[in-house]
């Protein structure tokens, strides 16, 4: 699948299916709004369908997503790290269905505008890898949340002191063994290079293909992680301690 060059020549402005956007970020926000405003399992039609058909051609795995051809785009719900979320799905002409991350084509367009190529930058490779590792330990994190809320529906956040519920709770990795640090140390110990790990694109997330490798990380995380349950607000505003993933590229 291919699409015509989308940029108009006016800074980062681009046009898809006859609709102008001031930047790839504005396009991504528009797609996100469609994601949350569209009724579940109702196919997109008209201009929205036309926009999605052109938009998806910029996905890094566009040909694989399209498969035999696209019948329709629609929104459906799924579990993302234990929380109910939404994704945009493609129904193909052969009846198969696949989901697609609404961020991927827009990130690719940012790359296209900056460099003239759709090649994925190294930081995206690392981000996809880390997100795949998060998916592996999601059951561990969910088990901790369920244990904490076993006898209560509302608790006081240990960071903010404000009340929060199971649905607004996040499982946090206590410093210094943040999730990023755990993943980074695991790669160093086992000499694992993110770019060499095969991931399976599940549309809204990536999965590590090698089950033995996934099991190894799950075991390492279980041994090293110190988890606590805090409110979403506390987790989002917590300080970040980045690690140098460049040495693993």
C-alpha atoms as a PDB file:
ATOM      1  CA  UNK A   1       0.000   0.000   0.000  1.00  0.00           C
ATOM      2  CA  UNK A   2       1.249   3.466  -0.845  1.00  0.00           C
ATOM      3  CA  UNK A   3      -0.094   6.979  -0.489  1.00  0.00           C
ATOM      4  CA  UNK A   4       0.906  10.284  -2.080  1.00  0.00           C
ATOM      5  CA  UNK A   5       3.292  12.550  -0.156  1.00  0.00           C
ATOM      6  CA  UNK A   6       1.029  14.215   2.425  1.00  0.00           C
ATOM      7  CA  UNK A   7       2.944  17.399   3.270  1.00  0.00           C
ATOM      8  CA  UNK A   8       1.803  20.661   1.711  1.00  0.00           C
ATOM      9  CA  UNK A   9       5.110  22.534   1.963  1.00  0.00           C
ATOM     10  CA  UNK A  10       3.687  24.860   4.614  1.00  0.00           C
ATOM     11  CA  UNK A  11       5.836  23.902   7.616  1.00  0.00           C
ATOM     12  CA  UNK A  12       4.535  20.558   8.964  1.00  0.00           C
ATOM     13  CA  UNK A  13       1.026  20.927   7.549  1.00  0.00           C
ATOM     14  CA  UNK A  14      -0.264  17.833   5.801  1.00  0.00           C
ATOM     15  CA  UNK A  15      -3.341  16.725   3.882  1.00  0.00           C
ATOM     16  CA  UNK A  16      -4.939  13.289   4.056  1.00  0.00           C
ATOM     17  CA  UNK A  17      -8.093  12.395   2.144  1.00  0.00           C
ATOM     18  CA  UNK A  18      -8.693  16.081   1.467  1.00  0.00           C
ATOM     19  CA  UNK A  19      -8.493  17.090   5.144  1.00  0.00           C
ATOM     20  CA  UNK A  20      -5.807  19.537   6.286  1.00  0.00           C
ATOM     21  CA  UNK A  21      -3.941  19.084   9.572  1.00  0.00           C
ATOM     22  CA  UNK A  22      -1.399  21.524  10.982  1.00  0.00           C
ATOM     23  CA  UNK A  23       0.990  18.721  11.961  1.00  0.00           C
ATOM     24  CA  UNK A  24       1.258  14.938  12.376  1.00  0.00           C
ATOM     25  CA  UNK A  25       0.513  15.541  16.066  1.00  0.00           C
ATOM     26  CA  UNK A  26      -2.774  17.241  15.149  1.00  0.00           C
ATOM     27  CA  UNK A  27      -3.593  14.267  12.937  1.00  0.00           C
ATOM     28  CA  UNK A  28      -2.831  11.856  15.775  1.00  0.00           C
ATOM     29  CA  UNK A  29      -5.125  13.808  18.104  1.00  0.00           C
ATOM     30  CA  UNK A  30      -7.897  13.706  15.486  1.00  0.00           C
ATOM     31  CA  UNK A  31      -7.530   9.935  15.170  1.00  0.00           C
ATOM     32  CA  UNK A  32      -7.601   9.621  18.959  1.00  0.00           C
ATOM     33  CA  UNK A  33     -10.862  11.581  19.054  1.00  0.00           C
ATOM     34  CA  UNK A  34     -12.338   9.254  16.443  1.00  0.00           C
ATOM     35  CA  UNK A  35     -11.204   6.309  18.567  1.00  0.00           C
ATOM     36  CA  UNK A  36     -13.181   7.503  21.581  1.00  0.00           C
ATOM     37  CA  UNK A  37     -16.219   9.006  19.841  1.00  0.00           C
ATOM     38  CA  UNK A  38     -17.039   6.131  17.492  1.00  0.00           C
ATOM     39  CA  UNK A  39     -19.593   3.593  18.788  1.00  0.00           C
ATOM     40  CA  UNK A  40     -18.014   0.218  19.516  1.00  0.00           C
ATOM     41  CA  UNK A  41     -18.019  -2.212  16.552  1.00  0.00           C
ATOM     42  CA  UNK A  42     -19.737   0.313  14.251  1.00  0.00           C
ATOM     43  CA  UNK A  43     -17.796   0.654  10.961  1.00  0.00           C
ATOM     44  CA  UNK A  44     -16.443   4.053   9.992  1.00  0.00           C
ATOM     45  CA  UNK A  45     -18.079   5.508   6.890  1.00  0.00           C
ATOM     46  CA  UNK A  46     -17.727   8.403   4.470  1.00  0.00           C
ATOM     47  CA  UNK A  47     -14.911  10.898   5.051  1.00  0.00           C
ATOM     48  CA  UNK A  48     -13.739   9.146   8.228  1.00  0.00           C
ATOM     49  CA  UNK A  49     -13.341   5.844   6.376  1.00  0.00           C
ATOM     50  CA  UNK A  50     -11.477   7.587   3.542  1.00  0.00           C
ATOM     51  CA  UNK A  51      -9.157   9.287   6.034  1.00  0.00           C
ATOM     52  CA  UNK A  52      -8.343   6.020   7.824  1.00  0.00           C
ATOM     53  CA  UNK A  53      -7.647   4.233   4.533  1.00  0.00           C
ATOM     54  CA  UNK A  54      -5.020   6.804   3.586  1.00  0.00           C
ATOM     55  CA  UNK A  55      -3.722   7.174   7.154  1.00  0.00           C
ATOM     56  CA  UNK A  56      -3.027   3.444   7.557  1.00  0.00           C
ATOM     57  CA  UNK A  57      -0.740   3.415   4.505  1.00  0.00           C
ATOM     58  CA  UNK A  58       1.867   5.142   6.687  1.00  0.00           C
ATOM     59  CA  UNK A  59       1.877   2.375   9.293  1.00  0.00           C
ATOM     60  CA  UNK A  60       5.319   0.675   9.384  1.00  0.00           C
ATOM     61  CA  UNK A  61       3.552  -2.648   8.725  1.00  0.00           C
ATOM     62  CA  UNK A  62       0.893  -1.307   6.351  1.00  0.00           C
ATOM     63  CA  UNK A  63       0.974  -4.247   3.930  1.00  0.00           C
ATOM     64  CA  UNK A  64       0.694  -6.787   6.750  1.00  0.00           C
ATOM     65  CA  UNK A  65      -2.177  -4.845   8.321  1.00  0.00           C
ATOM     66  CA  UNK A  66      -4.113  -4.643   5.056  1.00  0.00           C
ATOM     67  CA  UNK A  67      -3.616  -8.325   4.209  1.00  0.00           C
ATOM     68  CA  UNK A  68      -5.966  -9.356   1.422  1.00  0.00           C
ATOM     69  CA  UNK A  69      -7.634  -5.937   1.463  1.00  0.00           C
ATOM     70  CA  UNK A  70      -9.631  -3.734   3.811  1.00  0.00           C
ATOM     71  CA  UNK A  71     -13.390  -4.063   4.144  1.00  0.00           C
ATOM     72  CA  UNK A  72     -13.875  -1.653   7.031  1.00  0.00           C
ATOM     73  CA  UNK A  73     -12.355   0.101  10.038  1.00  0.00           C
ATOM     74  CA  UNK A  74     -14.104  -0.034  13.398  1.00  0.00           C
ATOM     75  CA  UNK A  75     -13.474   0.478  17.113  1.00  0.00           C
ATOM     76  CA  UNK A  76     -13.504  -2.279  19.706  1.00  0.00           C
ATOM     77  CA  UNK A  77     -12.561  -2.603  23.370  1.00  0.00           C
ATOM     78  CA  UNK A  78      -9.696  -4.603  24.850  1.00  0.00           C
ATOM     79  CA  UNK A  79      -7.694  -4.943  28.045  1.00  0.00           C
ATOM     80  CA  UNK A  80      -4.481  -2.899  28.104  1.00  0.00           C
ATOM     81  CA  UNK A  81      -2.311  -3.638  31.163  1.00  0.00           C
ATOM     82  CA  UNK A  82      -5.442  -4.619  33.098  1.00  0.00           C
ATOM     83  CA  UNK A  83      -7.477  -1.507  32.207  1.00  0.00           C
ATOM     84  CA  UNK A  84     -10.299  -1.403  29.672  1.00  0.00           C
ATOM     85  CA  UNK A  85      -9.189   0.498  26.593  1.00  0.00           C
ATOM     86  CA  UNK A  86     -10.065   0.922  22.922  1.00  0.00           C
ATOM     87  CA  UNK A  87      -8.352   0.193  19.641  1.00  0.00           C
ATOM     88  CA  UNK A  88      -8.961   0.739  15.943  1.00  0.00           C
ATOM     89  CA  UNK A  89      -9.455  -2.544  14.079  1.00  0.00           C
ATOM     90  CA  UNK A  90      -9.345  -3.546  10.424  1.00  0.00           C
ATOM     91  CA  UNK A  91     -11.761  -6.086   8.994  1.00  0.00           C
ATOM     92  CA  UNK A  92     -10.145  -7.635   5.925  1.00  0.00           C
ATOM     93  CA  UNK A  93     -11.793  -8.955   2.769  1.00  0.00           C
ATOM     94  CA  UNK A  94     -11.033 -12.550   3.807  1.00  0.00           C
ATOM     95  CA  UNK A  95     -12.980 -12.043   7.054  1.00  0.00           C
ATOM     96  CA  UNK A  96      -9.933 -11.799   9.332  1.00  0.00           C
ATOM     97  CA  UNK A  97      -9.520  -8.975  11.834  1.00  0.00           C
ATOM     98  CA  UNK A  98      -6.430  -7.156  13.119  1.00  0.00           C
ATOM     99  CA  UNK A  99      -5.986  -4.184  15.436  1.00  0.00           C
ATOM    100  CA  UNK A 100      -3.768  -1.205  14.746  1.00  0.00           C
ATOM    101  CA  UNK A 101      -2.076   1.303  17.025  1.00  0.00           C
ATOM    102  CA  UNK A 102      -3.471   4.751  16.272  1.00  0.00           C
ATOM    103  CA  UNK A 103      -0.073   6.259  17.144  1.00  0.00           C
ATOM    104  CA  UNK A 104       2.087   4.276  14.714  1.00  0.00           C
ATOM    105  CA  UNK A 105       1.179   5.985  11.396  1.00  0.00           C
ATOM    106  CA  UNK A 106       1.404   9.417  12.996  1.00  0.00           C
ATOM    107  CA  UNK A 107       4.858   8.658  14.466  1.00  0.00           C
ATOM    108  CA  UNK A 108       5.923   7.471  11.026  1.00  0.00           C
ATOM    109  CA  UNK A 109       4.700  10.732   9.485  1.00  0.00           C
ATOM    110  CA  UNK A 110       6.751  12.725  12.007  1.00  0.00           C
ATOM    111  CA  UNK A 111       9.766  10.693  10.920  1.00  0.00           C
ATOM    112  CA  UNK A 112       8.921  11.223   7.251  1.00  0.00           C
ATOM    113  CA  UNK A 113       8.708  14.979   7.717  1.00  0.00           C
ATOM    114  CA  UNK A 114      12.005  15.189   9.613  1.00  0.00           C
ATOM    115  CA  UNK A 115      14.117  12.819   7.555  1.00  0.00           C
ATOM    116  CA  UNK A 116      12.284  12.095   4.320  1.00  0.00           C
ATOM    117  CA  UNK A 117      12.071   8.403   5.176  1.00  0.00           C
ATOM    118  CA  UNK A 118       9.622   6.153   6.994  1.00  0.00           C
ATOM    119  CA  UNK A 119      12.439   4.181   8.663  1.00  0.00           C
ATOM    120  CA  UNK A 120      11.752   3.717  12.371  1.00  0.00           C
ATOM    121  CA  UNK A 121      14.191   5.565  14.671  1.00  0.00           C
ATOM    122  CA  UNK A 122      16.056   3.560  17.301  1.00  0.00           C
ATOM    123  CA  UNK A 123      14.075   5.052  20.184  1.00  0.00           C
ATOM    124  CA  UNK A 124      10.859   3.593  18.753  1.00  0.00           C
ATOM    125  CA  UNK A 125      12.499   0.174  18.625  1.00  0.00           C
ATOM    126  CA  UNK A 126      13.394   0.475  22.311  1.00  0.00           C
ATOM    127  CA  UNK A 127       9.923   1.773  23.244  1.00  0.00           C
ATOM    128  CA  UNK A 128       8.226  -1.125  21.454  1.00  0.00           C
ATOM    129  CA  UNK A 129      10.572  -3.572  23.159  1.00  0.00           C
ATOM    130  CA  UNK A 130       9.923  -2.156  26.626  1.00  0.00           C
ATOM    131  CA  UNK A 131       6.168  -2.113  26.047  1.00  0.00           C
ATOM    132  CA  UNK A 132       6.369  -5.794  25.057  1.00  0.00           C
ATOM    133  CA  UNK A 133       8.197  -6.492  28.326  1.00  0.00           C
ATOM    134  CA  UNK A 134       5.496  -4.621  30.257  1.00  0.00           C
ATOM    135  CA  UNK A 135       2.893  -6.870  28.680  1.00  0.00           C
ATOM    136  CA  UNK A 136       4.784  -9.919  29.999  1.00  0.00           C
ATOM    137  CA  UNK A 137       4.587  -8.747  33.616  1.00  0.00           C
ATOM    138  CA  UNK A 138       1.076  -7.350  33.419  1.00  0.00           C
ATOM    139  CA  UNK A 139      -0.332 -10.412  35.269  1.00  0.00           C
ATOM    140  CA  UNK A 140       2.105  -9.824  38.141  1.00  0.00           C
ATOM    141  CA  UNK A 141       1.117  -6.177  38.427  1.00  0.00           C
ATOM    142  CA  UNK A 142      -2.578  -6.992  38.203  1.00  0.00           C
ATOM    143  CA  UNK A 143      -2.238  -9.615  40.951  1.00  0.00           C
ATOM    144  CA  UNK A 144      -0.706  -7.000  43.274  1.00  0.00           C
ATOM    145  CA  UNK A 145      -3.582  -4.574  42.586  1.00  0.00           C
ATOM    146  CA  UNK A 146      -6.170  -7.249  43.275  1.00  0.00           C
ATOM    147  CA  UNK A 147      -4.468  -8.244  46.522  1.00  0.00           C
ATOM    148  CA  UNK A 148      -4.369  -4.635  47.773  1.00  0.00           C
ATOM    149  CA  UNK A 149      -8.050  -4.093  46.979  1.00  0.00           C
ATOM    150  CA  UNK A 150      -9.117  -7.536  48.152  1.00  0.00           C
ATOM    151  CA  UNK A 151     -11.128  -6.222  51.115  1.00  0.00           C
ATOM    152  CA  UNK A 152     -11.726  -2.593  50.111  1.00  0.00           C
ATOM    153  CA  UNK A 153     -13.228  -0.651  47.215  1.00  0.00           C
ATOM    154  CA  UNK A 154     -11.537   2.641  48.133  1.00  0.00           C
ATOM    155  CA  UNK A 155      -8.106   3.254  49.657  1.00  0.00           C
ATOM    156  CA  UNK A 156      -5.931   6.243  50.506  1.00  0.00           C
ATOM    157  CA  UNK A 157      -3.061   6.704  48.060  1.00  0.00           C
ATOM    158  CA  UNK A 158       0.244   6.218  49.945  1.00  0.00           C
ATOM    159  CA  UNK A 159       1.763   9.112  48.001  1.00  0.00           C
ATOM    160  CA  UNK A 160      -0.966  11.776  47.840  1.00  0.00           C
ATOM    161  CA  UNK A 161      -3.190  10.648  50.716  1.00  0.00           C
ATOM    162  CA  UNK A 162      -6.201  11.070  48.444  1.00  0.00           C
ATOM    163  CA  UNK A 163      -8.828   8.327  48.043  1.00  0.00           C
ATOM    164  CA  UNK A 164      -8.615   6.154  44.934  1.00  0.00           C
ATOM    165  CA  UNK A 165     -10.306   3.032  43.582  1.00  0.00           C
ATOM    166  CA  UNK A 166      -9.187  -0.094  41.764  1.00  0.00           C
ATOM    167  CA  UNK A 167     -10.034   1.434  38.375  1.00  0.00           C
ATOM    168  CA  UNK A 168      -7.930   4.534  39.068  1.00  0.00           C
ATOM    169  CA  UNK A 169      -5.029   2.611  40.604  1.00  0.00           C
ATOM    170  CA  UNK A 170      -1.606   2.057  39.039  1.00  0.00           C
ATOM    171  CA  UNK A 171       1.021  -0.483  40.038  1.00  0.00           C
ATOM    172  CA  UNK A 172       4.287   1.358  40.608  1.00  0.00           C
ATOM    173  CA  UNK A 173       7.872   0.052  40.707  1.00  0.00           C
ATOM    174  CA  UNK A 174       9.687   1.541  43.681  1.00  0.00           C
ATOM    175  CA  UNK A 175      12.980   3.350  43.018  1.00  0.00           C
ATOM    176  CA  UNK A 176      15.746   2.403  42.377  1.00  0.00           C
ATOM    177  CA  UNK A 177      14.396  -0.696  40.617  1.00  0.00           C
ATOM    178  CA  UNK A 178      11.964   1.101  38.354  1.00  0.00           C
ATOM    179  CA  UNK A 179      10.544  -0.887  35.467  1.00  0.00           C
ATOM    180  CA  UNK A 180      12.981   0.805  33.111  1.00  0.00           C
ATOM    181  CA  UNK A 181      15.895  -0.114  35.364  1.00  0.00           C
ATOM    182  CA  UNK A 182      14.749  -3.735  35.678  1.00  0.00           C
ATOM    183  CA  UNK A 183      14.411  -4.128  31.916  1.00  0.00           C
ATOM    184  CA  UNK A 184      17.774  -2.407  31.316  1.00  0.00           C
ATOM    185  CA  UNK A 185      19.667  -4.541  33.859  1.00  0.00           C
ATOM    186  CA  UNK A 186      18.079  -7.721  32.506  1.00  0.00           C
ATOM    187  CA  UNK A 187      19.309  -6.863  29.014  1.00  0.00           C
ATOM    188  CA  UNK A 188      22.799  -6.118  30.313  1.00  0.00           C
ATOM    189  CA  UNK A 189      23.028  -9.345  32.326  1.00  0.00           C
ATOM    190  CA  UNK A 190      21.780 -11.580  29.520  1.00  0.00           C
ATOM    191  CA  UNK A 191      23.379  -9.562  26.678  1.00  0.00           C
ATOM    192  CA  UNK A 192      20.044  -8.891  25.001  1.00  0.00           C
ATOM    193  CA  UNK A 193      19.785  -6.277  22.264  1.00  0.00           C
ATOM    194  CA  UNK A 194      16.258  -4.849  21.788  1.00  0.00           C
ATOM    195  CA  UNK A 195      16.700  -4.567  18.018  1.00  0.00           C
ATOM    196  CA  UNK A 196      17.492  -8.298  17.825  1.00  0.00           C
ATOM    197  CA  UNK A 197      14.395  -9.454  19.733  1.00  0.00           C
ATOM    198  CA  UNK A 198      11.547 -10.484  17.430  1.00  0.00           C
ATOM    199  CA  UNK A 199       8.260  -8.829  18.355  1.00  0.00           C
ATOM    200  CA  UNK A 200       4.775  -9.724  17.180  1.00  0.00           C
ATOM    201  CA  UNK A 201       2.705  -6.656  16.309  1.00  0.00           C
ATOM    202  CA  UNK A 202      -0.706  -7.006  17.947  1.00  0.00           C
ATOM    203  CA  UNK A 203      -1.920  -3.614  16.768  1.00  0.00           C
ATOM    204  CA  UNK A 204      -2.177  -1.780  20.061  1.00  0.00           C
ATOM    205  CA  UNK A 205       0.830  -3.529  21.562  1.00  0.00           C
ATOM    206  CA  UNK A 206       3.810  -5.749  20.768  1.00  0.00           C
ATOM    207  CA  UNK A 207       4.472  -9.234  22.114  1.00  0.00           C
ATOM    208  CA  UNK A 208       7.821 -10.994  22.507  1.00  0.00           C
ATOM    209  CA  UNK A 209       7.711 -13.922  20.099  1.00  0.00           C
ATOM    210  CA  UNK A 210      10.188 -16.170  21.955  1.00  0.00           C
ATOM    211  CA  UNK A 211       8.215 -17.614  24.883  1.00  0.00           C
ATOM    212  CA  UNK A 212      11.364 -18.792  26.690  1.00  0.00           C
ATOM    213  CA  UNK A 213      12.734 -15.262  26.556  1.00  0.00           C
ATOM    214  CA  UNK A 214       9.415 -13.906  27.838  1.00  0.00           C
ATOM    215  CA  UNK A 215       9.393 -16.420  30.696  1.00  0.00           C
ATOM    216  CA  UNK A 216      12.980 -15.453  31.588  1.00  0.00           C
ATOM    217  CA  UNK A 217      12.031 -11.801  31.923  1.00  0.00           C
ATOM    218  CA  UNK A 218       8.911 -12.662  33.924  1.00  0.00           C
ATOM    219  CA  UNK A 219      11.072 -14.583  36.403  1.00  0.00           C
ATOM    220  CA  UNK A 220      13.653 -11.790  36.639  1.00  0.00           C
ATOM    221  CA  UNK A 221      10.934  -9.214  37.240  1.00  0.00           C
ATOM    222  CA  UNK A 222       9.302 -11.342  39.915  1.00  0.00           C
ATOM    223  CA  UNK A 223      12.618 -11.561  41.783  1.00  0.00           C
ATOM    224  CA  UNK A 224      13.678  -7.915  41.498  1.00  0.00           C
ATOM    225  CA  UNK A 225      10.532  -5.770  41.402  1.00  0.00           C
ATOM    226  CA  UNK A 226       9.290  -4.003  44.534  1.00  0.00           C
ATOM    227  CA  UNK A 227       5.708  -3.100  43.679  1.00  0.00           C
ATOM    228  CA  UNK A 228       3.223  -0.788  45.323  1.00  0.00           C
ATOM    229  CA  UNK A 229      -0.243   0.398  44.336  1.00  0.00           C
ATOM    230  CA  UNK A 230      -0.770   4.156  44.023  1.00  0.00           C
ATOM    231  CA  UNK A 231      -3.211   6.480  42.304  1.00  0.00           C
ATOM    232  CA  UNK A 232      -2.950   7.251  38.608  1.00  0.00           C
ATOM    233  CA  UNK A 233      -2.224  10.902  39.436  1.00  0.00           C
ATOM    234  CA  UNK A 234       0.653   9.973  41.739  1.00  0.00           C
ATOM    235  CA  UNK A 235       2.167   7.666  39.145  1.00  0.00           C
ATOM    236  CA  UNK A 236       1.933  10.140  36.273  1.00  0.00           C
ATOM    237  CA  UNK A 237       3.519  12.963  38.285  1.00  0.00           C
ATOM    238  CA  UNK A 238       6.273  10.818  39.833  1.00  0.00           C
ATOM    239  CA  UNK A 239       9.897  11.693  38.909  1.00  0.00           C
ATOM    240  CA  UNK A 240      11.441   9.651  36.096  1.00  0.00           C
ATOM    241  CA  UNK A 241      14.893   8.077  36.223  1.00  0.00           C
ATOM    242  CA  UNK A 242      15.936   7.358  32.624  1.00  0.00           C
ATOM    243  CA  UNK A 243      18.557   4.777  31.753  1.00  0.00           C
ATOM    244  CA  UNK A 244      20.986   4.817  28.840  1.00  0.00           C
ATOM    245  CA  UNK A 245      19.499   2.389  26.325  1.00  0.00           C
ATOM    246  CA  UNK A 246      21.925   3.620  23.646  1.00  0.00           C
ATOM    247  CA  UNK A 247      24.591   1.230  24.942  1.00  0.00           C
ATOM    248  CA  UNK A 248      22.265  -1.648  24.048  1.00  0.00           C
ATOM    249  CA  UNK A 249      21.645  -0.558  20.454  1.00  0.00           C
END
